[in-house]
Full PDB file with SEQRES, HELIX, SHEET, SSBOND, CRYST1, ORIGX, SCALE, CONECT and MASTER records, all heavy atoms in Angstrom:
SEQRES   1 A   36  GLY TRP VAL PRO LYS THR SER ASN ALA GLU GLU LYS ALA          
SEQRES   2 A   36  LEU ASN LEU ARG ARG PHE PHE GLU VAL SER LYS LEU ASP          
SEQRES   3 A   36  ILE LEU GLU ASP LEU LYS THR PRO GLY ILE                      
HELIX    1 AA1 ALA A    9  PHE A   20  1                                  12    
HELIX    2 AA2 LEU A   25  ASP A   30  5                                   6    
CRYST1    1.000    1.000    1.000  90.00  90.00  90.00 P 1           1          
ORIGX1      1.000000  0.000000  0.000000        0.00000                         
ORIGX2      0.000000  1.000000  0.000000        0.00000                         
ORIGX3      0.000000  0.000000  1.000000        0.00000                         
SCALE1      1.000000  0.000000  0.000000        0.00000                         
SCALE2      0.000000  1.000000  0.000000        0.00000                         
SCALE3      0.000000  0.000000  1.000000        0.00000                         
ATOM      1  N   GLY A   1      82.815 112.316  95.994  1.00  0.00           N  
ATOM      2  CA  GLY A   1      83.394 112.869  97.293  1.00  0.00           C  
ATOM      3  C   GLY A   1      84.456 112.001  97.862  1.00  0.00           C  
ATOM      4  O   GLY A   1      84.865 112.247  99.052  1.00  0.00           O  
ATOM      5  N   TRP A   2      84.910 110.995  97.240  1.00  0.00           N  
ATOM      6  CA  TRP A   2      85.962 110.091  97.786  1.00  0.00           C  
ATOM      7  C   TRP A   2      87.316 110.772  97.700  1.00  0.00           C  
ATOM      8  O   TRP A   2      88.223 110.509  98.501  1.00  0.00           O  
ATOM      9  CB  TRP A   2      85.981 108.791  97.054  1.00  0.00           C  
ATOM     10  CG  TRP A   2      84.688 107.989  97.182  1.00  0.00           C  
ATOM     11  CD1 TRP A   2      83.547 108.391  97.886  1.00  0.00           C  
ATOM     12  CD2 TRP A   2      84.397 106.718  96.620  1.00  0.00           C  
ATOM     13  NE1 TRP A   2      82.562 107.409  97.774  1.00  0.00           N  
ATOM     14  CE2 TRP A   2      83.073 106.404  97.044  1.00  0.00           C  
ATOM     15  CE3 TRP A   2      85.115 105.829  95.863  1.00  0.00           C  
ATOM     16  CZ2 TRP A   2      82.440 105.200  96.693  1.00  0.00           C  
ATOM     17  CZ3 TRP A   2      84.537 104.655  95.457  1.00  0.00           C  
ATOM     18  CH2 TRP A   2      83.189 104.302  95.880  1.00  0.00           C  
ATOM     19  N   VAL A   3      87.542 111.630  96.695  1.00  0.00           N  
ATOM     20  CA  VAL A   3      88.771 112.354  96.577  1.00  0.00           C  
ATOM     21  C   VAL A   3      88.449 113.817  96.206  1.00  0.00           C  
ATOM     22  O   VAL A   3      87.316 114.044  95.659  1.00  0.00           O  
ATOM     23  CB  VAL A   3      89.703 111.753  95.481  1.00  0.00           C  
ATOM     24  CG1 VAL A   3      90.360 110.440  95.916  1.00  0.00           C  
ATOM     25  CG2 VAL A   3      89.028 111.662  94.159  1.00  0.00           C  
ATOM     26  N   PRO A   4      89.272 114.786  96.459  1.00  0.00           N  
ATOM     27  CA  PRO A   4      88.963 116.198  96.095  1.00  0.00           C  
ATOM     28  C   PRO A   4      88.885 116.325  94.535  1.00  0.00           C  
ATOM     29  O   PRO A   4      89.591 115.704  93.845  1.00  0.00           O  
ATOM     30  CB  PRO A   4      90.191 116.991  96.643  1.00  0.00           C  
ATOM     31  CG  PRO A   4      90.698 116.106  97.735  1.00  0.00           C  
ATOM     32  CD  PRO A   4      90.549 114.705  97.227  1.00  0.00           C  
ATOM     33  N   LYS A   5      87.989 117.217  94.159  1.00  0.00           N  
ATOM     34  CA  LYS A   5      87.933 117.520  92.691  1.00  0.00           C  
ATOM     35  C   LYS A   5      89.080 118.327  92.202  1.00  0.00           C  
ATOM     36  O   LYS A   5      89.520 119.272  92.913  1.00  0.00           O  
ATOM     37  CB  LYS A   5      86.625 118.310  92.403  1.00  0.00           C  
ATOM     38  CG  LYS A   5      85.324 117.484  92.563  1.00  0.00           C  
ATOM     39  CD  LYS A   5      84.122 118.298  92.302  1.00  0.00           C  
ATOM     40  CE  LYS A   5      82.833 117.439  92.539  1.00  0.00           C  
ATOM     41  NZ  LYS A   5      81.623 118.244  92.182  1.00  0.00           N  
ATOM     42  N   THR A   6      89.691 118.002  91.150  1.00  0.00           N  
ATOM     43  CA  THR A   6      90.829 118.657  90.529  1.00  0.00           C  
ATOM     44  C   THR A   6      91.045 118.274  89.140  1.00  0.00           C  
ATOM     45  O   THR A   6      90.660 117.078  88.800  1.00  0.00           O  
ATOM     46  CB  THR A   6      92.109 118.544  91.360  1.00  0.00           C  
ATOM     47  OG1 THR A   6      93.102 119.284  90.750  1.00  0.00           O  
ATOM     48  CG2 THR A   6      92.559 117.049  91.366  1.00  0.00           C  
ATOM     49  N   SER A   7      91.524 119.102  88.315  1.00  0.00           N  
ATOM     50  CA  SER A   7      91.879 118.736  86.927  1.00  0.00           C  
ATOM     51  C   SER A   7      93.379 118.697  86.747  1.00  0.00           C  
ATOM     52  O   SER A   7      93.915 118.359  85.738  1.00  0.00           O  
ATOM     53  CB  SER A   7      91.314 119.775  85.918  1.00  0.00           C  
ATOM     54  OG  SER A   7      91.752 121.075  86.204  1.00  0.00           O  
ATOM     55  N   ASN A   8      94.130 119.006  87.874  1.00  0.00           N  
ATOM     56  CA  ASN A   8      95.548 118.989  87.804  1.00  0.00           C  
ATOM     57  C   ASN A   8      96.101 117.551  87.963  1.00  0.00           C  
ATOM     58  O   ASN A   8      95.763 116.859  88.938  1.00  0.00           O  
ATOM     59  CB  ASN A   8      96.147 119.895  88.902  1.00  0.00           C  
ATOM     60  CG  ASN A   8      97.646 119.976  88.937  1.00  0.00           C  
ATOM     61  OD1 ASN A   8      98.281 119.090  89.456  1.00  0.00           O  
ATOM     62  ND2 ASN A   8      98.182 120.987  88.290  1.00  0.00           N  
ATOM     63  N   ALA A   9      96.973 117.124  87.071  1.00  0.00           N  
ATOM     64  CA  ALA A   9      97.444 115.737  87.023  1.00  0.00           C  
ATOM     65  C   ALA A   9      98.261 115.406  88.316  1.00  0.00           C  
ATOM     66  O   ALA A   9      98.032 114.293  88.905  1.00  0.00           O  
ATOM     67  CB  ALA A   9      98.369 115.504  85.817  1.00  0.00           C  
ATOM     68  N   GLU A  10      99.070 116.305  88.778  1.00  0.00           N  
ATOM     69  CA  GLU A  10      99.864 116.077  89.974  1.00  0.00           C  
ATOM     70  C   GLU A  10      99.003 115.934  91.205  1.00  0.00           C  
ATOM     71  O   GLU A  10      99.205 115.171  92.129  1.00  0.00           O  
ATOM     72  CB  GLU A  10     100.966 117.112  90.135  1.00  0.00           C  
ATOM     73  CG  GLU A  10     102.049 116.994  89.038  1.00  0.00           C  
ATOM     74  CD  GLU A  10     103.177 117.955  89.350  1.00  0.00           C  
ATOM     75  OE1 GLU A  10     103.120 118.723  90.303  1.00  0.00           O  
ATOM     76  OE2 GLU A  10     104.187 117.877  88.563  1.00  0.00           O  
ATOM     77  N   GLU A  11      97.986 116.880  91.269  1.00  0.00           N  
ATOM     78  CA  GLU A  11      97.161 116.832  92.472  1.00  0.00           C  
ATOM     79  C   GLU A  11      96.309 115.552  92.452  1.00  0.00           C  
ATOM     80  O   GLU A  11      95.997 115.045  93.527  1.00  0.00           O  
ATOM     81  CB  GLU A  11      96.155 118.093  92.344  1.00  0.00           C  
ATOM     82  CG  GLU A  11      96.902 119.420  92.663  1.00  0.00           C  
ATOM     83  CD  GLU A  11      95.927 120.605  92.601  1.00  0.00           C  
ATOM     84  OE1 GLU A  11      94.733 120.340  92.449  1.00  0.00           O  
ATOM     85  OE2 GLU A  11      96.408 121.727  92.825  1.00  0.00           O  
ATOM     86  N   LYS A  12      95.916 115.129  91.285  1.00  0.00           N  
ATOM     87  CA  LYS A  12      95.225 113.801  91.249  1.00  0.00           C  
ATOM     88  C   LYS A  12      96.062 112.699  91.813  1.00  0.00           C  
ATOM     89  O   LYS A  12      95.595 111.860  92.592  1.00  0.00           O  
ATOM     90  CB  LYS A  12      94.805 113.459  89.728  1.00  0.00           C  
ATOM     91  CG  LYS A  12      93.690 114.280  89.216  1.00  0.00           C  
ATOM     92  CD  LYS A  12      93.344 113.898  87.778  1.00  0.00           C  
ATOM     93  CE  LYS A  12      92.234 114.709  87.196  1.00  0.00           C  
ATOM     94  NZ  LYS A  12      91.946 114.325  85.835  1.00  0.00           N  
ATOM     95  N   ALA A  13      97.340 112.671  91.404  1.00  0.00           N  
ATOM     96  CA  ALA A  13      98.245 111.648  91.882  1.00  0.00           C  
ATOM     97  C   ALA A  13      98.394 111.750  93.398  1.00  0.00           C  
ATOM     98  O   ALA A  13      98.394 110.707  94.095  1.00  0.00           O  
ATOM     99  CB  ALA A  13      99.605 111.775  91.233  1.00  0.00           C  
ATOM    100  N   LEU A  14      98.584 112.936  93.924  1.00  0.00           N  
ATOM    101  CA  LEU A  14      98.741 113.105  95.412  1.00  0.00           C  
ATOM    102  C   LEU A  14      97.454 112.768  96.119  1.00  0.00           C  
ATOM    103  O   LEU A  14      97.552 112.102  97.199  1.00  0.00           O  
ATOM    104  CB  LEU A  14      99.060 114.617  95.628  1.00  0.00           C  
ATOM    105  CG  LEU A  14     100.473 115.103  95.232  1.00  0.00           C  
ATOM    106  CD1 LEU A  14     100.561 116.577  95.409  1.00  0.00           C  
ATOM    107  CD2 LEU A  14     101.506 114.359  96.102  1.00  0.00           C  
ATOM    108  N   ASN A  15      96.292 113.065  95.556  1.00  0.00           N  
ATOM    109  CA  ASN A  15      95.005 112.725  96.228  1.00  0.00           C  
ATOM    110  C   ASN A  15      94.821 111.186  96.196  1.00  0.00           C  
ATOM    111  O   ASN A  15      94.350 110.624  97.232  1.00  0.00           O  
ATOM    112  CB  ASN A  15      93.900 113.440  95.545  1.00  0.00           C  
ATOM    113  CG  ASN A  15      93.892 114.898  95.695  1.00  0.00           C  
ATOM    114  OD1 ASN A  15      94.497 115.388  96.688  1.00  0.00           O  
ATOM    115  ND2 ASN A  15      93.330 115.611  94.840  1.00  0.00           N  
ATOM    116  N   LEU A  16      95.228 110.562  95.155  1.00  0.00           N  
ATOM    117  CA  LEU A  16      95.126 109.063  95.075  1.00  0.00           C  
ATOM    118  C   LEU A  16      96.101 108.405  96.022  1.00  0.00           C  
ATOM    119  O   LEU A  16      95.773 107.390  96.620  1.00  0.00           O  
ATOM    120  CB  LEU A  16      95.324 108.589  93.657  1.00  0.00           C  
ATOM    121  CG  LEU A  16      94.157 108.855  92.670  1.00  0.00           C  
ATOM    122  CD1 LEU A  16      94.575 108.494  91.273  1.00  0.00           C  
ATOM    123  CD2 LEU A  16      92.940 108.030  93.131  1.00  0.00           C  
ATOM    124  N   ARG A  17      97.281 109.045  96.220  1.00  0.00           N  
ATOM    125  CA  ARG A  17      98.211 108.437  97.193  1.00  0.00           C  
ATOM    126  C   ARG A  17      97.584 108.527  98.596  1.00  0.00           C  
ATOM    127  O   ARG A  17      97.675 107.476  99.309  1.00  0.00           O  
ATOM    128  CB  ARG A  17      99.437 109.301  97.207  1.00  0.00           C  
ATOM    129  CG  ARG A  17     100.454 109.061  96.091  1.00  0.00           C  
ATOM    130  CD  ARG A  17     101.652 110.008  96.362  1.00  0.00           C  
ATOM    131  NE  ARG A  17     102.654 109.946  95.264  1.00  0.00           N  
ATOM    132  CZ  ARG A  17     103.747 110.664  95.239  1.00  0.00           C  
ATOM    133  NH1 ARG A  17     104.037 111.479  96.210  1.00  0.00           N  
ATOM    134  NH2 ARG A  17     104.588 110.552  94.240  1.00  0.00           N  
ATOM    135  N   ARG A  18      96.935 109.601  98.908  1.00  0.00           N  
ATOM    136  CA  ARG A  18      96.303 109.722 100.249  1.00  0.00           C  
ATOM    137  C   ARG A  18      95.135 108.751 100.376  1.00  0.00           C  
ATOM    138  O   ARG A  18      94.907 108.125 101.444  1.00  0.00           O  
ATOM    139  CB  ARG A  18      95.841 111.124 100.489  1.00  0.00           C  
ATOM    140  CG  ARG A  18      96.998 112.115 100.520  1.00  0.00           C  
ATOM    141  CD  ARG A  18      96.508 113.515 100.887  1.00  0.00           C  
ATOM    142  NE  ARG A  18      97.586 114.493 100.721  1.00  0.00           N  
ATOM    143  CZ  ARG A  18      97.635 115.366  99.672  1.00  0.00           C  
ATOM    144  NH1 ARG A  18      96.782 115.326  98.782  1.00  0.00           N  
ATOM    145  NH2 ARG A  18      98.673 116.249  99.588  1.00  0.00           N  
ATOM    146  N   PHE A  19      94.408 108.631  99.319  1.00  0.00           N  
ATOM    147  CA  PHE A  19      93.219 107.736  99.287  1.00  0.00           C  
ATOM    148  C   PHE A  19      93.590 106.298  99.514  1.00  0.00           C  
ATOM    149  O   PHE A  19      93.037 105.539 100.353  1.00  0.00           O  
ATOM    150  CB  PHE A  19      92.409 107.903  98.000  1.00  0.00           C  
ATOM    151  CG  PHE A  19      91.261 106.937  97.883  1.00  0.00           C  
ATOM    152  CD1 PHE A  19      90.074 107.165  98.570  1.00  0.00           C  
ATOM    153  CD2 PHE A  19      91.356 105.805  97.074  1.00  0.00           C  
ATOM    154  CE1 PHE A  19      88.978 106.321  98.442  1.00  0.00           C  
ATOM    155  CE2 PHE A  19      90.253 104.949  97.009  1.00  0.00           C  
ATOM    156  CZ  PHE A  19      89.135 105.211  97.677  1.00  0.00           C  
ATOM    157  N   PHE A  20      94.647 105.846  98.864  1.00  0.00           N  
ATOM    158  CA  PHE A  20      95.152 104.508  98.908  1.00  0.00           C  
ATOM    159  C   PHE A  20      96.095 104.259 100.048  1.00  0.00           C  
ATOM    160  O   PHE A  20      96.557 103.200 100.342  1.00  0.00           O  
ATOM    161  CB  PHE A  20      95.769 104.039  97.628  1.00  0.00           C  
ATOM    162  CG  PHE A  20      94.811 103.734  96.515  1.00  0.00           C  
ATOM    163  CD1 PHE A  20      94.635 104.529  95.465  1.00  0.00           C  
ATOM    164  CD2 PHE A  20      94.043 102.584  96.581  1.00  0.00           C  
ATOM    165  CE1 PHE A  20      93.721 104.259  94.381  1.00  0.00           C  
ATOM    166  CE2 PHE A  20      93.143 102.239  95.581  1.00  0.00           C  
ATOM    167  CZ  PHE A  20      92.998 103.108  94.498  1.00  0.00           C  
ATOM    168  N   GLU A  21      96.541 105.398 100.693  1.00  0.00           N  
ATOM    169  CA  GLU A  21      97.424 105.343 101.834  1.00  0.00           C  
ATOM    170  C   GLU A  21      98.762 104.726 101.439  1.00  0.00           C  
ATOM    171  O   GLU A  21      99.277 103.812 102.105  1.00  0.00           O  
ATOM    172  CB  GLU A  21      96.775 104.549 103.034  1.00  0.00           C  
ATOM    173  CG  GLU A  21      95.452 105.193 103.456  1.00  0.00           C  
ATOM    174  CD  GLU A  21      94.629 104.303 104.357  1.00  0.00           C  
ATOM    175  OE1 GLU A  21      94.523 103.048 104.007  1.00  0.00           O  
ATOM    176  OE2 GLU A  21      94.057 104.765 105.334  1.00  0.00           O  
ATOM    177  N   VAL A  22      99.332 105.237 100.332  1.00  0.00           N  
ATOM    178  CA  VAL A  22     100.590 104.762  99.895  1.00  0.00           C  
ATOM    179  C   VAL A  22     101.502 105.949  99.597  1.00  0.00           C  
ATOM    180  O   VAL A  22     101.016 107.067  99.319  1.00  0.00           O  
ATOM    181  CB  VAL A  22     100.537 103.900  98.628  1.00  0.00           C  
ATOM    182  CG1 VAL A  22      99.795 102.610  98.903  1.00  0.00           C  
ATOM    183  CG2 VAL A  22      99.832 104.694  97.456  1.00  0.00           C  
ATOM    184  N   SER A  23     102.846 105.800  99.546  1.00  0.00           N  
ATOM    185  CA  SER A  23     103.731 106.877  99.249  1.00  0.00           C  
ATOM    186  C   SER A  23     103.935 107.104  97.800  1.00  0.00           C  
ATOM    187  O   SER A  23     104.368 108.176  97.366  1.00  0.00           O  
ATOM    188  CB  SER A  23     105.100 106.645  99.933  1.00  0.00           C  
ATOM    189  OG  SER A  23     105.674 105.406  99.382  1.00  0.00           O  
ATOM    190  N   LYS A  24     103.569 106.044  97.028  1.00  0.00           N  
ATOM    191  CA  LYS A  24     103.625 106.214  95.582  1.00  0.00           C  
ATOM    192  C   LYS A  24     102.688 105.176  94.967  1.00  0.00           C  
ATOM    193  O   LYS A  24     102.461 104.098  95.553  1.00  0.00           O  
ATOM    194  CB  LYS A  24     105.083 106.075  94.988  1.00  0.00           C  
ATOM    195  CG  LYS A  24     105.748 104.830  95.440  1.00  0.00           C  
ATOM    196  CD  LYS A  24     107.191 104.808  94.894  1.00  0.00           C  
ATOM    197  CE  LYS A  24     107.909 103.497  95.339  1.00  0.00           C  
ATOM    198  NZ  LYS A  24     109.296 103.462  94.710  1.00  0.00           N  
ATOM    199  N   LEU A  25     102.135 105.488  93.842  1.00  0.00           N  
ATOM    200  CA  LEU A  25     101.012 104.650  93.317  1.00  0.00           C  
ATOM    201  C   LEU A  25     101.464 103.342  92.779  1.00  0.00           C  
ATOM    202  O   LEU A  25     100.702 102.355  92.697  1.00  0.00           O  
ATOM    203  CB  LEU A  25     100.205 105.426  92.189  1.00  0.00           C  
ATOM    204  CG  LEU A  25      99.454 106.720  92.745  1.00  0.00           C  
ATOM    205  CD1 LEU A  25      98.685 107.310  91.604  1.00  0.00           C  
ATOM    206  CD2 LEU A  25      98.453 106.237  93.831  1.00  0.00           C  
ATOM    207  N   ASP A  26     102.750 103.198  92.308  1.00  0.00           N  
ATOM    208  CA  ASP A  26     103.165 101.931  91.765  1.00  0.00           C  
ATOM    209  C   ASP A  26     103.244 100.867  92.805  1.00  0.00           C  
ATOM    210  O   ASP A  26     103.379  99.686  92.561  1.00  0.00           O  
ATOM    211  CB  ASP A  26     104.393 102.026  90.948  1.00  0.00           C  
ATOM    212  CG  ASP A  26     105.560 102.675  91.690  1.00  0.00           C  
ATOM    213  OD1 ASP A  26     105.438 102.862  92.878  1.00  0.00           O  
ATOM    214  OD2 ASP A  26     106.612 102.988  91.037  1.00  0.00           O  
ATOM    215  N   ILE A  27     103.210 101.290  94.122  1.00  0.00           N  
ATOM    216  CA  ILE A  27     103.208 100.323  95.232  1.00  0.00           C  
ATOM    217  C   ILE A  27     101.960  99.503  95.216  1.00  0.00           C  
ATOM    218  O   ILE A  27     101.916  98.387  95.647  1.00  0.00           O  
ATOM    219  CB  ILE A  27     103.381 101.063  96.565  1.00  0.00           C  
ATOM    220  CG1 ILE A  27     104.775 101.615  96.764  1.00  0.00           C  
ATOM    221  CG2 ILE A  27     103.045 100.155  97.785  1.00  0.00           C  
ATOM    222  CD1 ILE A  27     104.997 102.413  97.972  1.00  0.00           C  
ATOM    223  N   LEU A  28     100.894  99.999  94.639  1.00  0.00           N  
ATOM    224  CA  LEU A  28      99.618  99.308  94.643  1.00  0.00           C  
ATOM    225  C   LEU A  28      99.704  97.966  93.903  1.00  0.00           C  
ATOM    226  O   LEU A  28      98.977  97.043  94.266  1.00  0.00           O  
ATOM    227  CB  LEU A  28      98.544 100.197  93.904  1.00  0.00           C  
ATOM    228  CG  LEU A  28      98.132 101.496  94.654  1.00  0.00           C  
ATOM    229  CD1 LEU A  28      97.181 102.254  93.735  1.00  0.00           C  
ATOM    230  CD2 LEU A  28      97.431 101.128  95.889  1.00  0.00           C  
ATOM    231  N   GLU A  29     100.603  97.886  92.986  1.00  0.00           N  
ATOM    232  CA  GLU A  29     100.792  96.544  92.352  1.00  0.00           C  
ATOM    233  C   GLU A  29     101.202  95.457  93.322  1.00  0.00           C  
ATOM    234  O   GLU A  29     100.828  94.301  93.150  1.00  0.00           O  
ATOM    235  CB  GLU A  29     101.907  96.673  91.255  1.00  0.00           C  
ATOM    236  CG  GLU A  29     102.177  95.426  90.435  1.00  0.00           C  
ATOM    237  CD  GLU A  29     100.972  95.166  89.554  1.00  0.00           C  
ATOM    238  OE1 GLU A  29     100.231  96.030  89.218  1.00  0.00           O  
ATOM    239  OE2 GLU A  29     100.751  93.956  89.124  1.00  0.00           O  
ATOM    240  N   ASP A  30     101.921  95.855  94.380  1.00  0.00           N  
ATOM    241  CA  ASP A  30     102.318  94.861  95.472  1.00  0.00           C  
ATOM    242  C   ASP A  30     101.332  94.762  96.587  1.00  0.00           C  
ATOM    243  O   ASP A  30     101.434  94.005  97.505  1.00  0.00           O  
ATOM    244  CB  ASP A  30     103.674  95.255  96.001  1.00  0.00           C  
ATOM    245  CG  ASP A  30     104.740  95.272  94.984  1.00  0.00           C  
ATOM    246  OD1 ASP A  30     104.709  94.356  94.102  1.00  0.00           O  
ATOM    247  OD2 ASP A  30     105.608  96.161  95.003  1.00  0.00           O  
ATOM    248  N   LEU A  31     100.267  95.603  96.540  1.00  0.00           N  
ATOM    249  CA  LEU A  31      99.248  95.606  97.570  1.00  0.00           C  
ATOM    250  C   LEU A  31      97.877  95.176  97.140  1.00  0.00           C  
ATOM    251  O   LEU A  31      96.908  95.456  97.778  1.00  0.00           O  
ATOM    252  CB  LEU A  31      99.142  97.060  98.185  1.00  0.00           C  
ATOM    253  CG  LEU A  31     100.295  97.570  98.916  1.00  0.00           C  
ATOM    254  CD1 LEU A  31     100.062  99.021  99.422  1.00  0.00           C  
ATOM    255  CD2 LEU A  31     100.666  96.779 100.161  1.00  0.00           C  
ATOM    256  N   LYS A  32      97.851  94.429  95.998  1.00  0.00           N  
ATOM    257  CA  LYS A  32      96.570  93.940  95.495  1.00  0.00           C  
ATOM    258  C   LYS A  32      95.995  93.116  96.622  1.00  0.00           C  
ATOM    259  O   LYS A  32      96.574  92.281  97.213  1.00  0.00           O  
ATOM    260  CB  LYS A  32      96.796  93.087  94.286  1.00  0.00           C  
ATOM    261  CG  LYS A  32      97.095  93.969  93.004  1.00  0.00           C  
ATOM    262  CD  LYS A  32      97.212  93.068  91.761  1.00  0.00           C  
ATOM    263  CE  LYS A  32      97.499  93.896  90.552  1.00  0.00           C  
ATOM    264  NZ  LYS A  32      97.624  93.081  89.331  1.00  0.00           N  
ATOM    265  N   THR A  33      94.653  93.302  96.771  1.00  0.00           N  
ATOM    266  CA  THR A  33      93.961  92.545  97.828  1.00  0.00           C  
ATOM    267  C   THR A  33      93.843  91.105  97.394  1.00  0.00           C  
ATOM    268  O   THR A  33      93.304  90.718  96.416  1.00  0.00           O  
ATOM    269  CB  THR A  33      92.496  93.087  97.970  1.00  0.00           C  
ATOM    270  OG1 THR A  33      92.581  94.449  98.322  1.00  0.00           O  
ATOM    271  CG2 THR A  33      91.792  92.328  99.148  1.00  0.00           C  
ATOM    272  N   PRO A  34      94.563  90.224  98.183  1.00  0.00           N  
ATOM    273  CA  PRO A  34      94.533  88.761  97.781  1.00  0.00           C  
ATOM    274  C   PRO A  34      93.124  88.142  98.004  1.00  0.00           C  
ATOM    275  O   PRO A  34      92.382  88.463  98.913  1.00  0.00           O  
ATOM    276  CB  PRO A  34      95.548  88.159  98.753  1.00  0.00           C  
ATOM    277  CG  PRO A  34      95.551  89.034  99.920  1.00  0.00           C  
ATOM    278  CD  PRO A  34      95.336  90.421  99.361  1.00  0.00           C  
ATOM    279  N   GLY A  35      92.816  87.300  97.113  1.00  0.00           N  
ATOM    280  CA  GLY A  35      91.562  86.505  97.256  1.00  0.00           C  
ATOM    281  C   GLY A  35      90.288  87.324  97.068  1.00  0.00           C  
ATOM    282  O   GLY A  35      89.226  86.845  97.422  1.00  0.00           O  
ATOM    283  N   ILE A  36      90.378  88.455  96.507  1.00  0.00           N  
ATOM    284  CA  ILE A  36      89.135  89.282  96.334  1.00  0.00           C  
ATOM    285  C   ILE A  36      88.167  88.586  95.406  1.00  0.00           C  
ATOM    286  O   ILE A  36      88.532  88.128  94.299  1.00  0.00           O  
ATOM    287  CB  ILE A  36      89.527  90.735  95.828  1.00  0.00           C  
ATOM    288  CG1 ILE A  36      88.303  91.614  95.936  1.00  0.00           C  
ATOM    289  CG2 ILE A  36      90.031  90.702  94.388  1.00  0.00           C  
ATOM    290  CD1 ILE A  36      88.563  93.099  95.761  1.00  0.00           C  
TER     291      ILE A  36                                                      
MASTER        0    0    0    2    0    0    0    6  290    1    0    3          
END                                                                             
């Protein structure tokens, strides 16, 4: 229940953007949690 269920690739990408609170997923590379 952390993200909506879907089999659509684009919807998965959009849902992950919202989950991670980013405008695009490749930004996550620069947002790695330091010291984890």
